[in-house]
Protein backbone atom coordinates (compact mmCIF):
# COMPACT_ATOMS: atom_id res chain seq x y z
CA MET A 1 44.50 38.52 55.08
CA THR A 2 43.53 42.06 56.13
CA LEU A 3 45.35 44.80 58.02
CA HIS A 4 43.39 46.91 60.52
CA GLU A 5 44.46 50.17 62.15
CA PRO A 6 45.94 49.48 65.67
CA PRO A 7 46.23 52.10 68.45
CA ARG A 8 48.74 54.94 67.74
CA THR A 9 51.25 54.01 70.44
CA GLN A 10 53.99 52.14 68.58
CA THR A 11 57.39 53.38 67.42
CA PRO A 12 57.69 53.89 63.66
CA PRO A 13 59.75 51.15 62.00
CA HIS A 14 62.97 51.73 60.08
CA ASP A 15 63.18 51.11 56.33
CA ALA A 16 63.12 47.39 55.63
CA ASP A 17 65.98 46.27 53.39
CA ASP A 18 65.80 42.48 53.44
CA ALA A 19 64.76 42.37 49.79
CA PRO A 20 66.92 40.67 47.16
CA PRO A 21 69.23 42.75 44.91
CA GLY A 22 67.35 44.53 42.16
CA ALA A 23 64.05 44.48 44.04
CA GLN A 24 61.60 47.31 43.42
CA THR A 25 61.27 49.93 46.16
CA ILE A 26 57.91 50.82 47.71
CA LEU A 27 57.52 53.94 49.83
CA VAL A 28 54.76 53.43 52.44
CA VAL A 29 53.35 56.60 54.01
CA ASP A 30 51.10 56.27 57.09
CA ASP A 31 50.95 58.15 60.39
CA LEU A 32 50.41 54.89 62.33
CA PRO A 33 53.65 52.98 63.12
CA ALA A 34 51.81 49.67 63.38
CA ASN A 35 50.41 50.09 59.87
CA LEU A 36 53.88 50.91 58.58
CA GLU A 37 55.34 47.85 60.26
CA ALA A 38 52.62 45.53 58.97
CA ALA A 39 52.91 46.91 55.44
CA ALA A 40 56.69 46.62 55.53
CA ARG A 41 56.39 43.03 56.65
CA PHE A 42 54.05 41.80 53.92
CA LEU A 43 55.78 43.82 51.19
CA THR A 44 59.18 42.43 52.17
CA HIS A 45 57.64 38.96 52.22
CA HIS A 46 56.60 39.49 48.59
CA GLY A 47 60.12 40.51 47.55
CA TYR A 48 59.94 44.32 47.66
CA ARG A 49 62.35 46.75 49.25
CA VAL A 50 60.45 49.06 51.62
CA ALA A 51 60.95 52.68 52.68
CA VAL A 52 58.60 54.31 55.17
CA ALA A 53 57.43 57.82 56.08
CA GLN A 54 55.05 58.86 58.87
CA ASP A 55 53.77 62.18 57.48
CA GLY A 56 53.49 64.14 54.25
CA GLU A 57 56.63 66.27 54.67
CA ASP A 58 58.70 63.20 55.43
CA ALA A 59 57.17 61.41 52.43
CA ILE A 60 58.25 64.19 50.04
CA GLU A 61 61.82 64.12 51.40
CA ARG A 62 62.00 60.32 51.31
CA ALA A 63 60.69 60.20 47.74
CA GLU A 64 63.49 62.51 46.56
CA LEU A 65 66.07 60.53 48.54
CA VAL A 66 65.23 56.90 47.72
CA HIS A 67 63.46 57.31 44.33
CA PRO A 68 60.82 54.62 44.96
CA ASP A 69 59.15 52.70 42.16
CA LEU A 70 55.70 53.18 43.75
CA ILE A 71 54.17 55.01 46.73
CA LEU A 72 51.43 53.65 49.00
CA LEU A 73 49.99 56.82 50.57
CA ASP A 74 47.53 57.13 53.44
CA VAL A 75 44.90 59.83 52.93
CA MET A 76 43.95 60.74 56.50
CA MET A 77 47.11 62.09 58.14
CA PRO A 78 47.72 65.04 60.47
CA GLY A 79 49.48 68.06 58.93
CA LEU A 80 49.72 67.43 55.20
CA ASP A 81 46.96 65.00 54.31
CA GLY A 82 47.42 62.46 51.53
CA PHE A 83 45.75 64.63 48.87
CA GLU A 84 48.08 67.60 49.45
CA THR A 85 51.11 65.30 49.76
CA CYS A 86 50.27 63.70 46.41
CA ARG A 87 49.76 67.12 44.82
CA ARG A 88 53.24 68.22 45.95
CA LEU A 89 54.84 64.94 44.87
CA LYS A 90 53.38 65.38 41.38
CA ALA A 91 54.54 68.99 41.26
CA SER A 92 58.17 67.99 41.84
CA PRO A 93 60.21 66.88 38.79
CA ALA A 94 62.02 64.38 41.01
CA SER A 95 58.85 62.49 41.95
CA SER A 96 56.20 63.45 39.40
CA HIS A 97 56.62 60.19 37.48
CA ILE A 98 56.19 57.87 40.51
CA PRO A 99 52.79 56.11 40.61
CA VAL A 100 50.81 56.77 43.81
CA ILE A 101 48.17 54.43 45.24
CA PHE A 102 46.01 55.84 48.04
CA MET A 103 45.24 53.78 51.15
CA THR A 104 42.05 55.05 52.74
CA ALA A 105 38.87 54.26 54.58
CA LEU A 106 37.14 56.96 52.51
CA ALA A 107 34.93 55.12 50.03
CA GLU A 108 32.80 57.94 48.68
CA THR A 109 33.07 58.73 44.98
CA PRO A 110 33.93 62.46 45.50
CA ASP A 111 36.93 61.46 47.66
CA LYS A 112 38.15 59.05 44.99
CA LEU A 113 37.74 61.67 42.28
CA THR A 114 39.75 64.09 44.39
CA GLY A 115 42.51 61.53 44.66
CA PHE A 116 42.62 60.97 40.91
CA SER A 117 42.57 64.70 40.26
CA VAL A 118 45.75 65.23 42.32
CA GLY A 119 47.60 62.48 40.44
CA ALA A 120 46.90 59.10 42.08
CA VAL A 121 46.67 56.06 39.82
CA ASP A 122 44.54 53.88 42.10
CA TYR A 123 42.85 53.37 45.48
CA VAL A 124 42.90 50.52 48.01
CA THR A 125 40.37 50.63 50.79
CA LYS A 126 41.16 50.04 54.45
CA PRO A 127 41.19 47.57 56.04
CA LEU A 128 43.67 46.44 53.41
CA ASP A 129 43.40 43.12 51.66
CA VAL A 130 47.00 42.02 51.04
CA ALA A 131 46.20 40.05 47.87
CA GLU A 132 44.37 43.04 46.38
CA VAL A 133 47.17 45.46 47.33
CA ILE A 134 49.84 43.23 45.77
CA ALA A 135 47.77 42.71 42.61
CA ARG A 136 47.16 46.45 42.13
CA MET A 137 50.78 47.27 42.87
CA ARG A 138 52.04 44.74 40.33
CA LEU A 139 49.68 46.12 37.71
CA HIS A 140 50.79 49.73 38.18
CA LEU A 141 54.46 48.83 38.52
CA THR A 142 54.24 46.97 35.21
CA LEU A 143 52.40 49.85 33.56
CA HIS A 144 54.96 52.28 34.95
CA GLN A 145 57.87 50.18 33.65
CA LEU A 146 56.27 49.99 30.21
CA GLN A 147 55.66 53.74 30.23
CA ARG A 148 59.27 54.42 31.18
CA ARG A 149 60.49 52.11 28.42
CA VAL A 150 58.26 53.85 25.89
CA GLU A 151 59.49 57.25 27.08
CA ALA A 152 63.12 56.11 26.89
CA ARG A 153 62.57 54.67 23.42
CA ASN A 154 60.83 57.87 22.31
CA ALA A 155 63.71 59.94 23.67
CA SER A 156 66.18 57.71 21.83
CA LEU A 157 64.14 58.01 18.63
CA ARG A 158 64.03 61.78 18.99
CA GLU A 159 67.81 61.83 19.33
CA GLU A 160 68.18 59.55 16.30
CA ILE A 161 65.79 61.71 14.28
CA ALA A 162 67.64 64.88 15.30
CA ALA A 163 70.98 63.29 14.38
CA HIS A 164 69.52 62.05 11.08
CA GLU A 165 68.14 65.51 10.29
CA LEU A 166 71.53 67.07 11.00
CA THR A 167 73.20 64.50 8.77
CA GLN A 168 70.64 65.06 6.02
CA ALA A 169 71.06 68.83 6.27
CA ALA A 170 74.84 68.42 6.03
CA LEU A 171 74.44 66.12 3.01
CA ARG A 172 72.10 68.60 1.33
CA ARG A 173 74.59 71.41 1.87
CA SER A 174 77.41 69.22 0.60
CA ASN A 175 75.42 68.18 -2.48
CA ILE A 176 74.50 71.76 -3.28
CA GLU A 177 78.13 72.84 -2.89
CA LEU A 178 79.32 69.96 -5.11
CA GLU A 179 76.68 70.74 -7.72
CA GLN A 180 77.65 74.41 -7.68
CA LEU A 181 81.31 73.42 -7.97
CA ALA A 182 80.51 71.10 -10.89
CA TYR A 183 78.55 73.89 -12.58
CA VAL A 184 81.32 76.46 -12.16
CA ALA A 185 84.07 74.03 -13.13
CA SER A 186 82.16 72.78 -16.17
CA HIS A 187 81.27 76.30 -17.27
CA ASP A 188 84.86 77.53 -16.90
CA LEU A 189 86.23 74.53 -18.82
CA GLN A 190 84.04 75.16 -21.84
CA GLU A 191 86.05 78.00 -23.35
CA PRO A 192 89.55 76.40 -23.06
CA LEU A 193 88.18 73.21 -24.61
CA ARG A 194 86.60 75.07 -27.49
CA MET A 195 89.94 76.79 -28.07
CA ILE A 196 91.85 73.48 -28.04
CA ALA A 197 89.44 71.84 -30.48
CA SER A 198 89.35 74.90 -32.75
CA TYR A 199 93.15 75.24 -32.99
CA LEU A 200 93.62 71.52 -33.56
CA GLN A 201 91.14 71.64 -36.41
CA LEU A 202 92.87 74.78 -37.75
CA VAL A 203 96.24 73.00 -37.67
CA GLU A 204 94.70 70.05 -39.51
CA GLU A 205 93.23 72.32 -42.22
CA ARG A 206 96.27 74.60 -42.75
CA TYR A 207 99.04 72.06 -42.50
CA GLN A 208 97.30 69.00 -43.87
CA ASP A 209 99.73 68.75 -46.79
CA ARG A 210 102.72 68.86 -44.41
CA LEU A 211 101.42 66.12 -42.12
CA ASP A 212 101.95 62.45 -42.70
CA ASP A 213 99.33 59.83 -41.98
CA ASP A 214 100.45 59.47 -38.36
CA GLY A 215 100.25 63.24 -37.79
CA ARG A 216 96.73 63.42 -39.19
CA GLU A 217 95.72 60.40 -37.13
CA PHE A 218 97.12 61.94 -33.93
CA ILE A 219 95.32 65.23 -34.54
CA GLY A 220 92.13 63.26 -35.21
CA TYR A 221 92.48 61.51 -31.86
CA ALA A 222 93.07 64.85 -30.12
CA VAL A 223 90.05 66.51 -31.76
CA ASP A 224 87.86 63.49 -30.95
CA GLY A 225 89.03 63.55 -27.34
CA ALA A 226 88.31 67.28 -27.03
CA LYS A 227 84.82 66.79 -28.48
CA ARG A 228 84.07 63.92 -26.10
CA LEU A 229 85.28 66.01 -23.20
CA GLN A 230 83.04 68.88 -24.33
CA LYS A 231 80.06 66.51 -24.38
CA LEU A 232 80.95 65.26 -20.90
CA ILE A 233 81.15 68.83 -19.64
CA ASN A 234 77.80 69.68 -21.23
CA ASP A 235 76.23 66.66 -19.54
CA LEU A 236 77.75 67.69 -16.20
CA LEU A 237 76.28 71.16 -16.69
CA HIS A 238 72.86 69.62 -17.27
CA TYR A 239 73.29 67.49 -14.15
CA SER A 240 74.29 70.43 -11.94
CA ARG A 241 71.49 72.62 -13.31
CA LEU A 242 68.87 70.16 -12.06
CA VAL A 243 69.27 71.82 -8.65
CA SER A 244 70.76 75.21 -9.45
CA LYS A 245 68.16 76.00 -12.14
CA GLU A 246 65.08 74.34 -10.61
CA ARG A 247 61.68 75.74 -11.51
CA PRO A 248 58.44 75.36 -9.51
CA LEU A 249 56.40 72.30 -10.45
CA GLN A 250 53.27 73.06 -12.50
CA GLN A 251 50.48 71.09 -14.10
CA THR A 252 52.17 69.93 -17.31
CA PRO A 253 50.57 68.06 -20.27
CA CYS A 254 52.81 65.09 -21.08
CA THR A 255 51.67 65.05 -24.72
CA GLU A 256 53.31 68.45 -25.26
CA VAL A 257 56.41 67.29 -23.38
CA LEU A 258 56.74 64.22 -25.63
CA GLU A 259 56.35 66.36 -28.75
CA LEU A 260 59.18 68.65 -27.62
CA ALA A 261 61.41 65.66 -26.80
CA LEU A 262 60.77 64.07 -30.23
CA ARG A 263 61.48 67.41 -31.92
CA ASN A 264 64.88 67.44 -30.20
CA LEU A 265 65.45 63.83 -31.33
CA HIS A 266 64.32 64.46 -34.91
CA VAL A 267 67.69 63.64 -36.52
CA ALA A 268 68.18 60.42 -34.50
CA VAL A 269 64.60 59.29 -35.27
CA GLU A 270 65.03 59.95 -39.01
CA GLU A 271 68.46 58.30 -39.29
CA SER A 272 67.41 55.18 -37.39
CA GLN A 273 63.92 55.02 -38.98
CA ALA A 274 62.55 54.69 -35.46
CA VAL A 275 58.82 54.36 -34.85
CA VAL A 276 57.72 56.05 -31.62
CA THR A 277 54.16 55.46 -30.39
CA HIS A 278 52.42 56.44 -27.18
CA ASP A 279 49.27 56.01 -25.10
CA GLU A 280 47.04 58.94 -24.34
CA LEU A 281 49.25 60.84 -21.89
CA PRO A 282 48.04 62.63 -18.73
CA VAL A 283 48.74 65.98 -17.11
CA VAL A 284 51.26 65.72 -14.25
CA ALA A 285 52.99 67.94 -11.69
CA ALA A 286 56.33 68.69 -13.29
CA ASP A 287 59.09 71.05 -14.32
CA GLN A 288 58.48 70.94 -18.08
CA THR A 289 62.13 71.46 -19.05
CA GLN A 290 63.26 68.58 -16.85
CA LEU A 291 60.43 66.33 -18.04
CA VAL A 292 61.43 66.96 -21.67
CA GLN A 293 64.99 65.94 -20.71
CA LEU A 294 63.64 62.76 -19.07
CA PHE A 295 61.63 61.64 -22.11
CA GLN A 296 64.42 62.69 -24.47
CA ASN A 297 67.06 60.67 -22.61
CA LEU A 298 64.94 57.52 -22.31
CA ILE A 299 63.71 57.56 -25.93
CA GLY A 300 67.21 58.54 -27.12
CA ASN A 301 68.65 55.53 -25.28
CA ALA A 302 66.03 53.25 -26.84
CA ILE A 303 67.08 54.46 -30.31
CA LYS A 304 70.81 54.30 -29.57
CA PHE A 305 70.75 50.73 -28.23
CA ARG A 306 68.61 49.33 -31.06
CA SER A 307 69.13 45.84 -32.39
CA GLY A 308 68.62 46.87 -36.02
CA PRO A 309 67.01 49.48 -38.30
CA GLY A 310 63.50 50.69 -37.58
CA PRO A 311 63.47 50.33 -33.77
CA LYS A 312 60.06 50.46 -32.12
CA VAL A 313 59.63 52.60 -29.00
CA HIS A 314 56.37 52.91 -27.04
CA VAL A 315 55.57 55.36 -24.23
CA GLY A 316 52.87 53.83 -22.03
CA VAL A 317 51.09 55.00 -18.91
CA ARG A 318 48.60 53.69 -16.37
CA HIS A 319 47.19 54.94 -13.11
CA ASP A 320 48.85 53.31 -10.09
CA GLY A 321 47.34 54.37 -6.76
CA ASP A 322 48.05 58.07 -6.24
CA ALA A 323 50.57 58.29 -9.10
CA TRP A 324 50.96 57.82 -12.85
CA HIS A 325 53.14 54.84 -13.81
CA PHE A 326 54.97 55.56 -17.10
CA THR A 327 56.88 53.07 -19.23
CA VAL A 328 59.28 53.61 -22.13
CA SER A 329 59.64 50.25 -23.91
CA ASP A 330 61.81 49.24 -26.86
CA ASP A 331 62.77 46.16 -28.88
CA GLY A 332 66.51 46.78 -28.59
CA ILE A 333 69.51 44.85 -27.32
CA GLY A 334 68.29 44.69 -23.69
CA ILE A 335 70.12 44.81 -20.36
CA ALA A 336 71.21 41.94 -18.14
CA PRO A 337 69.44 41.93 -14.73
CA ALA A 338 72.82 42.14 -12.98
CA HIS A 339 73.22 45.68 -14.36
CA PHE A 340 69.78 47.07 -13.42
CA GLU A 341 71.13 49.20 -10.55
CA ARG A 342 74.43 50.04 -12.21
CA VAL A 343 72.84 51.80 -15.20
CA PHE A 344 71.67 54.66 -12.93
CA VAL A 345 75.12 55.28 -11.42
CA LEU A 346 77.05 58.33 -12.60
CA PHE A 347 79.64 57.62 -15.35
CA GLN A 348 78.78 53.91 -15.48
CA ARG A 349 78.85 52.45 -18.99
CA LEU A 350 77.90 48.92 -20.07
CA HIS A 351 79.49 49.16 -23.53
CA SER A 352 82.71 50.49 -25.03
CA ARG A 353 82.77 53.91 -26.74
CA SER A 354 83.69 52.23 -30.00
CA ARG A 355 80.27 50.55 -30.03
CA TYR A 356 78.04 53.17 -28.40
CA ASP A 357 78.89 56.82 -27.84
CA GLY A 358 78.00 58.48 -24.51
CA THR A 359 79.23 59.76 -21.16
CA GLY A 360 77.35 57.56 -18.68
CA ILE A 361 75.38 60.50 -17.28
CA GLY A 362 72.04 60.25 -19.13
CA LEU A 363 70.28 57.72 -16.86
CA THR A 364 71.72 59.37 -13.76
CA LEU A 365 70.03 62.57 -14.95
CA CYS A 366 66.77 60.64 -15.41
CA LYS A 367 66.96 59.25 -11.87
CA LYS A 368 67.66 62.67 -10.40
CA ILE A 369 64.78 64.24 -12.34
CA VAL A 370 62.28 61.57 -11.28
CA GLU A 371 63.34 61.73 -7.63
CA ARG A 372 63.15 65.53 -7.67
CA HIS A 373 59.51 65.07 -8.78
CA GLY A 374 58.82 62.71 -5.86
CA GLY A 375 58.75 59.55 -7.97
CA ARG A 376 60.95 56.52 -8.50
CA ILE A 377 62.54 54.94 -11.59
CA TRP A 378 63.56 51.36 -12.35
CA VAL A 379 64.19 49.06 -15.30
CA SER A 380 63.06 45.63 -16.48
CA SER A 381 64.79 43.84 -19.34
CA LEU A 382 66.40 40.73 -20.74
CA PRO A 383 69.32 40.69 -23.18
CA GLY A 384 68.07 40.52 -26.76
CA GLU A 385 64.42 41.04 -25.77
CA GLY A 386 64.23 44.79 -25.37
CA THR A 387 64.09 47.08 -22.33
CA THR A 388 61.37 48.87 -20.38
CA PHE A 389 62.14 51.83 -18.16
CA HIS A 390 59.47 52.54 -15.53
CA PHE A 391 58.96 55.76 -13.60
CA THR A 392 56.20 57.33 -11.51
CA LEU A 393 54.99 60.93 -11.36
CA SER A 394 52.41 62.69 -9.21
CA PRO A 395 49.26 63.96 -10.94
CA HIS A 396 48.84 67.08 -8.81
CA VAL A 397 51.19 69.80 -7.54
CA GLY A 398 49.41 69.85 -4.17
CA SER A 399 50.04 66.13 -3.58
CA LEU A 400 53.80 66.47 -3.94
CA ALA A 401 56.06 67.77 -1.14
CA GLN A 402 58.50 70.18 -2.70
CA PRO A 403 62.16 69.47 -1.82
């Protein structure tokens, strides 16, 4: 079926609105009433709602009024021709997104290029073939719908990202404030605790002969409690300093770091007769002080939770993609898989203080240190078969995004 241009003597038709609810709206622009009527008829037949305009000025007004899903636009019109009409439609925020298909008898390539340059998405050549017009319309309506969905999804994602960034910024501020508060509180508590412990010990020394067994036992409990509280406060200070006393990451030899950690653990190693071995260790991007703390805590834990005298601890490493994968393995008492996540939580303890001393902060410190270095830490173990702590570190400062 084709539509040919009839004589220009007919009255322009009104908008056709016999389409079902939810139908897409097509704005047809042509200076010939007969062409408008014929187009309205076959478009309505195919389930579209139709709006019509007989010149460029009217088309621009109608587009802003009815917000069509697509515009079929004649090129050769008196006054504003189709090219200028399209240019103005695309310049208006209200209609710039609406796909425009030109209807024209002009078949030369320069004319088509002009149409595309002013914003048209396609051409149909007069006399119109209804099947071709419908096929091209459906294609561009579908593409337009997909584009709008993508734009809406992108807008929603941008809003989600902005909200997430605001939340993250608020969390960072809150964490910094809490860490600063912990630092100040811990620092200010040090002196009163030292005074309490000192005077309790002084009472015990001076008045020992006046105290009965219960009195000495009570003072012992008080001194022990003050010492444990001092250790907890010291650990909290270490935890808060991870942010407040951060140093820039530098290329750091892990062999030197391990030597410093073992020097700090000298007494524990000697008393337990521990044997600590290691692979050839690489250079990594790190804050040396924090890395010493990491190795010291993990090796110290391996010694503390030994199954007998002479525990064996091995520090291993292998290259894993863009990172170094470290392991600290022991032959100690092990950890049940149900507790793998819990061991990294602040103040969480798996054993009573009567069996193993500690504050439940050491592994939380390790997790914070590793994450500050852009890595991750996890554990593998079975009760009675030893434990292996795994963590990753970047080899180069340039490959790590500073927090």
